[in-house]
Amino acid sequence: MDDKITIIEGPPPTFEEVRDGWALGLHDSLGSAIIGVTRLRTFNGAALVERCNRTWRAQGLMELEYRAPDGLPQLSPILAARHVDLEEGQLLLLWVRLGDEQAAQQPGFGHDDQAADDNP
């Protein structure tokens, strides 16, 4: 399937909430959603990014398929992808749209630590 990147083995991915203007500009929906980024080790990062680009051009929707911490399958739309070559191997960076339930499973989501530090 060219419209999904599937995590087959290993632990569920962790997502970091993204709050910068560039990533928030990727969100083109009227509904509320949270943008998260995950970092995945891979052997074929360039091919996966190219597959995302082909799918976005052809049909517009590319998804990340993975198992949540509770073991249930999850799908999150991929908004952007990039690969990086490191000494340890390749790293795939995926920016995804997470629903409220998916974000609630991520530690630290929805907590503005900086704002809490600024307001005594």
N, C-alpha and C. Protein backbone atom coordinates (compact mmCIF):
# COMPACT_ATOMS: atom_id res chain seq x y z
N MET A 1 0.84 -1.18 0.00
CA MET A 1 0.00 0.00 0.00
C MET A 1 0.88 1.24 0.00
N ASP A 2 0.67 2.09 -0.97
CA ASP A 2 1.47 3.29 -1.08
C ASP A 2 0.91 4.46 -0.28
N ASP A 3 -0.27 4.31 0.33
CA ASP A 3 -0.86 5.42 1.06
C ASP A 3 -0.66 5.34 2.57
N LYS A 4 0.23 4.43 3.01
CA LYS A 4 0.50 4.28 4.44
C LYS A 4 1.97 3.98 4.67
N ILE A 5 2.46 4.46 5.80
CA ILE A 5 3.72 3.99 6.34
C ILE A 5 3.34 3.24 7.60
N THR A 6 3.71 1.99 7.67
CA THR A 6 3.30 1.13 8.79
C THR A 6 4.49 0.80 9.66
N ILE A 7 4.33 1.00 10.96
CA ILE A 7 5.35 0.58 11.92
C ILE A 7 5.02 -0.87 12.27
N ILE A 8 5.90 -1.77 11.88
CA ILE A 8 5.62 -3.20 12.02
C ILE A 8 6.08 -3.74 13.36
N GLU A 9 7.24 -3.30 13.82
CA GLU A 9 7.75 -3.85 15.08
C GLU A 9 8.31 -2.72 15.94
N GLY A 10 8.54 -3.05 17.19
CA GLY A 10 9.06 -2.06 18.12
C GLY A 10 7.95 -1.43 18.93
N PRO A 11 8.33 -0.54 19.81
CA PRO A 11 7.33 0.11 20.67
C PRO A 11 6.50 1.11 19.87
N PRO A 12 5.36 1.52 20.42
CA PRO A 12 4.57 2.55 19.75
C PRO A 12 5.38 3.83 19.62
N PRO A 13 5.14 4.60 18.58
CA PRO A 13 5.88 5.85 18.42
C PRO A 13 5.48 6.85 19.50
N THR A 14 6.41 7.72 19.83
CA THR A 14 6.09 8.83 20.72
C THR A 14 6.04 10.09 19.87
N PHE A 15 5.16 10.97 20.23
CA PHE A 15 4.96 12.21 19.49
C PHE A 15 5.24 13.39 20.40
N GLU A 16 5.89 14.38 19.84
CA GLU A 16 6.11 15.64 20.55
C GLU A 16 5.18 16.67 19.94
N GLU A 17 4.49 17.40 20.77
CA GLU A 17 3.58 18.43 20.28
C GLU A 17 4.37 19.54 19.61
N VAL A 18 3.89 19.98 18.46
CA VAL A 18 4.55 21.02 17.69
C VAL A 18 3.72 22.29 17.80
N ARG A 19 4.39 23.38 18.15
CA ARG A 19 3.69 24.64 18.32
C ARG A 19 4.26 25.77 17.48
N ASP A 20 5.16 25.45 16.55
CA ASP A 20 5.73 26.54 15.75
C ASP A 20 4.83 26.84 14.56
N GLY A 21 4.97 28.05 14.03
CA GLY A 21 4.11 28.53 12.95
C GLY A 21 4.18 27.70 11.69
N TRP A 22 5.37 27.19 11.35
CA TRP A 22 5.50 26.40 10.13
C TRP A 22 4.62 25.17 10.19
N ALA A 23 4.72 24.41 11.26
CA ALA A 23 3.95 23.18 11.36
C ALA A 23 2.46 23.46 11.53
N LEU A 24 2.12 24.50 12.26
CA LEU A 24 0.70 24.83 12.42
C LEU A 24 0.08 25.23 11.09
N GLY A 25 0.88 25.77 10.18
CA GLY A 25 0.39 26.11 8.85
C GLY A 25 0.04 24.88 8.02
N LEU A 26 0.51 23.71 8.42
CA LEU A 26 0.17 22.47 7.71
C LEU A 26 -1.25 22.02 7.99
N HIS A 27 -1.80 22.49 9.10
CA HIS A 27 -3.13 22.07 9.53
C HIS A 27 -4.16 22.88 8.77
N ASP A 28 -4.87 22.24 7.85
CA ASP A 28 -5.80 22.95 6.99
C ASP A 28 -7.25 22.62 7.27
N SER A 29 -7.55 22.21 8.47
CA SER A 29 -8.91 21.80 8.82
C SER A 29 -9.54 22.83 9.74
N LEU A 30 -10.87 22.90 9.69
CA LEU A 30 -11.58 23.81 10.58
C LEU A 30 -11.68 23.25 11.99
N GLY A 31 -11.61 21.94 12.12
CA GLY A 31 -11.70 21.31 13.43
C GLY A 31 -10.40 21.43 14.19
N SER A 32 -10.48 21.14 15.48
CA SER A 32 -9.26 21.20 16.28
C SER A 32 -8.49 19.90 16.13
N ALA A 33 -7.22 20.03 16.04
CA ALA A 33 -6.33 18.87 15.99
C ALA A 33 -4.98 19.33 16.51
N ILE A 34 -4.19 18.37 16.88
CA ILE A 34 -2.87 18.65 17.42
C ILE A 34 -1.85 18.12 16.42
N ILE A 35 -0.83 18.92 16.17
CA ILE A 35 0.25 18.50 15.28
C ILE A 35 1.35 17.92 16.17
N GLY A 36 1.81 16.73 15.82
CA GLY A 36 2.89 16.09 16.55
C GLY A 36 3.97 15.63 15.58
N VAL A 37 5.18 15.54 16.08
CA VAL A 37 6.29 15.03 15.28
C VAL A 37 6.82 13.78 15.96
N THR A 38 7.18 12.78 15.16
CA THR A 38 7.79 11.57 15.68
C THR A 38 9.06 11.30 14.88
N ARG A 39 9.98 10.64 15.53
CA ARG A 39 11.26 10.28 14.91
C ARG A 39 11.37 8.77 14.89
N LEU A 40 11.58 8.22 13.70
CA LEU A 40 11.62 6.77 13.52
C LEU A 40 12.90 6.36 12.82
N ARG A 41 13.51 5.31 13.32
CA ARG A 41 14.68 4.76 12.62
C ARG A 41 14.18 3.98 11.41
N THR A 42 14.96 4.05 10.32
CA THR A 42 14.56 3.37 9.10
C THR A 42 15.79 3.01 8.28
N PHE A 43 15.61 2.12 7.34
CA PHE A 43 16.69 1.78 6.41
C PHE A 43 16.50 2.46 5.06
N ASN A 44 15.31 3.03 4.84
CA ASN A 44 15.00 3.58 3.52
C ASN A 44 14.27 4.92 3.63
N GLY A 45 14.83 5.85 4.37
CA GLY A 45 14.18 7.14 4.60
C GLY A 45 13.88 7.91 3.33
N ALA A 46 14.81 7.97 2.41
CA ALA A 46 14.58 8.72 1.16
C ALA A 46 13.43 8.12 0.36
N ALA A 47 13.35 6.80 0.31
CA ALA A 47 12.26 6.14 -0.43
C ALA A 47 10.91 6.40 0.24
N LEU A 48 10.89 6.42 1.57
CA LEU A 48 9.63 6.68 2.27
C LEU A 48 9.16 8.12 2.06
N VAL A 49 10.08 9.06 2.08
CA VAL A 49 9.72 10.46 1.82
C VAL A 49 9.22 10.60 0.38
N GLU A 50 9.88 9.95 -0.56
CA GLU A 50 9.43 10.01 -1.95
C GLU A 50 8.04 9.39 -2.10
N ARG A 51 7.78 8.28 -1.40
CA ARG A 51 6.45 7.66 -1.45
C ARG A 51 5.39 8.62 -0.90
N CYS A 52 5.71 9.35 0.18
CA CYS A 52 4.79 10.37 0.69
C CYS A 52 4.51 11.42 -0.38
N ASN A 53 5.56 11.91 -1.02
CA ASN A 53 5.39 12.94 -2.05
C ASN A 53 4.53 12.46 -3.20
N ARG A 54 4.76 11.23 -3.67
CA ARG A 54 3.95 10.68 -4.76
C ARG A 54 2.49 10.56 -4.36
N THR A 55 2.25 10.08 -3.15
CA THR A 55 0.86 9.90 -2.69
C THR A 55 0.18 11.25 -2.52
N TRP A 56 0.87 12.24 -1.95
CA TRP A 56 0.27 13.56 -1.80
C TRP A 56 -0.09 14.17 -3.15
N ARG A 57 0.77 13.97 -4.14
CA ARG A 57 0.48 14.51 -5.48
C ARG A 57 -0.70 13.80 -6.12
N ALA A 58 -0.81 12.48 -5.91
CA ALA A 58 -1.84 11.68 -6.57
C ALA A 58 -3.20 11.77 -5.89
N GLN A 59 -3.23 11.65 -4.58
CA GLN A 59 -4.53 11.57 -3.92
C GLN A 59 -4.64 12.44 -2.66
N GLY A 60 -3.54 12.93 -2.18
CA GLY A 60 -3.60 13.87 -1.08
C GLY A 60 -3.50 13.33 0.33
N LEU A 61 -3.73 12.05 0.59
CA LEU A 61 -3.72 11.57 1.97
C LEU A 61 -2.72 10.44 2.15
N MET A 62 -1.78 10.68 3.03
CA MET A 62 -0.78 9.67 3.43
C MET A 62 -0.94 9.49 4.93
N GLU A 63 -0.90 8.24 5.41
CA GLU A 63 -1.14 7.99 6.82
C GLU A 63 -0.03 7.16 7.46
N LEU A 64 0.15 7.38 8.76
CA LEU A 64 1.03 6.57 9.58
C LEU A 64 0.16 5.56 10.31
N GLU A 65 0.48 4.29 10.15
CA GLU A 65 -0.26 3.22 10.83
C GLU A 65 0.65 2.63 11.91
N TYR A 66 0.13 2.54 13.12
CA TYR A 66 0.92 2.06 14.25
C TYR A 66 -0.01 1.51 15.32
N ARG A 67 0.58 0.85 16.30
CA ARG A 67 -0.18 0.36 17.45
C ARG A 67 -0.01 1.37 18.59
N ALA A 68 -1.12 1.75 19.19
CA ALA A 68 -1.09 2.65 20.34
C ALA A 68 -0.58 1.88 21.56
N PRO A 69 -0.25 2.59 22.64
CA PRO A 69 0.22 1.90 23.84
C PRO A 69 -0.76 0.84 24.36
N ASP A 70 -2.06 1.01 24.09
CA ASP A 70 -3.03 0.01 24.53
C ASP A 70 -3.14 -1.17 23.56
N GLY A 71 -2.34 -1.15 22.48
CA GLY A 71 -2.31 -2.25 21.52
C GLY A 71 -3.27 -2.12 20.36
N LEU A 72 -4.13 -1.13 20.38
CA LEU A 72 -5.10 -0.95 19.30
C LEU A 72 -4.46 -0.24 18.11
N PRO A 73 -4.86 -0.61 16.89
CA PRO A 73 -4.29 0.05 15.71
C PRO A 73 -4.76 1.49 15.60
N GLN A 74 -3.87 2.35 15.15
CA GLN A 74 -4.14 3.78 14.98
C GLN A 74 -3.70 4.22 13.60
N LEU A 75 -4.39 5.21 13.07
CA LEU A 75 -4.00 5.87 11.83
C LEU A 75 -3.94 7.37 12.09
N SER A 76 -2.87 8.00 11.66
CA SER A 76 -2.73 9.45 11.78
C SER A 76 -2.29 9.99 10.43
N PRO A 77 -2.97 11.01 9.91
CA PRO A 77 -2.56 11.61 8.65
C PRO A 77 -1.17 12.23 8.76
N ILE A 78 -0.33 11.93 7.79
CA ILE A 78 1.02 12.51 7.74
C ILE A 78 0.92 13.84 6.99
N LEU A 79 1.43 14.89 7.62
CA LEU A 79 1.37 16.23 7.03
C LEU A 79 2.67 16.62 6.35
N ALA A 80 3.79 16.11 6.85
CA ALA A 80 5.10 16.42 6.28
C ALA A 80 6.06 15.30 6.65
N ALA A 81 7.09 15.11 5.83
CA ALA A 81 8.07 14.05 6.07
C ALA A 81 9.45 14.53 5.65
N ARG A 82 10.44 14.05 6.39
CA ARG A 82 11.83 14.39 6.08
C ARG A 82 12.70 13.25 6.57
N HIS A 83 13.78 12.95 5.86
CA HIS A 83 14.71 11.95 6.37
C HIS A 83 16.07 12.61 6.60
N VAL A 84 16.79 12.05 7.58
CA VAL A 84 18.09 12.58 7.95
C VAL A 84 19.05 11.40 8.05
N ASP A 85 20.24 11.55 7.47
CA ASP A 85 21.27 10.53 7.60
C ASP A 85 22.14 10.85 8.80
N LEU A 86 22.24 9.91 9.72
CA LEU A 86 23.06 10.04 10.92
C LEU A 86 24.13 8.96 10.91
N GLU A 87 25.12 9.09 11.78
CA GLU A 87 26.15 8.05 11.88
C GLU A 87 25.52 6.70 12.25
N GLU A 88 24.49 6.73 13.08
CA GLU A 88 23.84 5.50 13.54
C GLU A 88 22.89 4.90 12.50
N GLY A 89 22.59 5.63 11.45
CA GLY A 89 21.65 5.17 10.42
C GLY A 89 20.72 6.29 10.01
N GLN A 90 19.62 5.94 9.39
CA GLN A 90 18.68 6.94 8.88
C GLN A 90 17.56 7.17 9.89
N LEU A 91 17.11 8.41 9.92
CA LEU A 91 16.03 8.81 10.79
C LEU A 91 14.94 9.43 9.93
N LEU A 92 13.71 8.99 10.16
CA LEU A 92 12.56 9.53 9.44
C LEU A 92 11.78 10.41 10.40
N LEU A 93 11.59 11.66 10.02
CA LEU A 93 10.81 12.61 10.81
C LEU A 93 9.44 12.75 10.15
N LEU A 94 8.39 12.51 10.91
CA LEU A 94 7.04 12.61 10.39
C LEU A 94 6.24 13.57 11.25
N TRP A 95 5.62 14.56 10.61
CA TRP A 95 4.69 15.45 11.28
C TRP A 95 3.30 14.94 10.98
N VAL A 96 2.53 14.65 12.01
CA VAL A 96 1.21 14.04 11.84
C VAL A 96 0.15 14.85 12.58
N ARG A 97 -1.09 14.64 12.16
CA ARG A 97 -2.23 15.23 12.84
C ARG A 97 -2.78 14.19 13.80
N LEU A 98 -2.87 14.57 15.07
CA LEU A 98 -3.35 13.66 16.11
C LEU A 98 -4.71 14.14 16.60
N GLY A 99 -5.61 13.20 16.79
CA GLY A 99 -6.88 13.52 17.42
C GLY A 99 -6.69 13.69 18.91
N ASP A 100 -7.72 14.18 19.58
CA ASP A 100 -7.64 14.41 21.02
C ASP A 100 -7.30 13.13 21.79
N GLU A 101 -7.91 12.02 21.39
CA GLU A 101 -7.67 10.75 22.08
C GLU A 101 -6.22 10.28 21.90
N GLN A 102 -5.71 10.42 20.69
CA GLN A 102 -4.32 10.04 20.42
C GLN A 102 -3.36 10.92 21.20
N ALA A 103 -3.62 12.21 21.23
CA ALA A 103 -2.75 13.13 21.95
C ALA A 103 -2.79 12.87 23.45
N ALA A 104 -3.95 12.46 23.97
CA ALA A 104 -4.08 12.21 25.40
C ALA A 104 -3.19 11.05 25.85
N GLN A 105 -2.82 10.17 24.93
CA GLN A 105 -1.96 9.03 25.26
C GLN A 105 -0.48 9.41 25.29
N GLN A 106 -0.16 10.66 24.91
CA GLN A 106 1.23 11.10 24.86
C GLN A 106 1.60 11.87 26.11
N PRO A 107 2.68 11.51 26.78
CA PRO A 107 3.09 12.26 27.97
C PRO A 107 3.44 13.70 27.62
N GLY A 108 2.96 14.64 28.41
CA GLY A 108 3.30 16.04 28.22
C GLY A 108 2.42 16.80 27.26
N PHE A 109 1.53 16.12 26.52
CA PHE A 109 0.66 16.84 25.59
C PHE A 109 -0.40 17.60 26.38
N GLY A 110 -0.69 18.81 25.92
CA GLY A 110 -1.72 19.60 26.56
C GLY A 110 -1.25 20.33 27.79
N HIS A 111 0.02 20.17 28.15
CA HIS A 111 0.56 20.87 29.31
C HIS A 111 1.53 21.91 28.81
N ASP A 112 1.27 23.15 29.14
CA ASP A 112 2.15 24.24 28.73
C ASP A 112 3.09 24.55 29.89
N ASP A 113 4.20 23.80 29.97
CA ASP A 113 5.14 23.95 31.08
C ASP A 113 5.72 25.34 31.15
N GLN A 114 5.99 25.94 30.00
CA GLN A 114 6.56 27.28 29.97
C GLN A 114 5.58 28.28 30.56
N ALA A 115 4.31 28.18 30.18
CA ALA A 115 3.30 29.11 30.69
C ALA A 115 3.13 28.92 32.20
N ALA A 116 3.20 27.69 32.67
CA ALA A 116 3.08 27.42 34.10
C ALA A 116 4.23 28.04 34.86
N ASP A 117 5.43 28.03 34.27
CA ASP A 117 6.60 28.63 34.93
C ASP A 117 6.48 30.15 34.96
N ASP A 118 5.84 30.74 33.95
CA ASP A 118 5.73 32.19 33.86
C ASP A 118 4.66 32.75 34.78
N ASN A 119 3.67 31.95 35.14
CA ASN A 119 2.56 32.42 35.97
C ASN A 119 2.62 31.75 37.33
N PRO A 120 3.06 32.46 38.36
CA PRO A 120 3.16 31.85 39.69
C PRO A 120 1.83 31.57 40.30
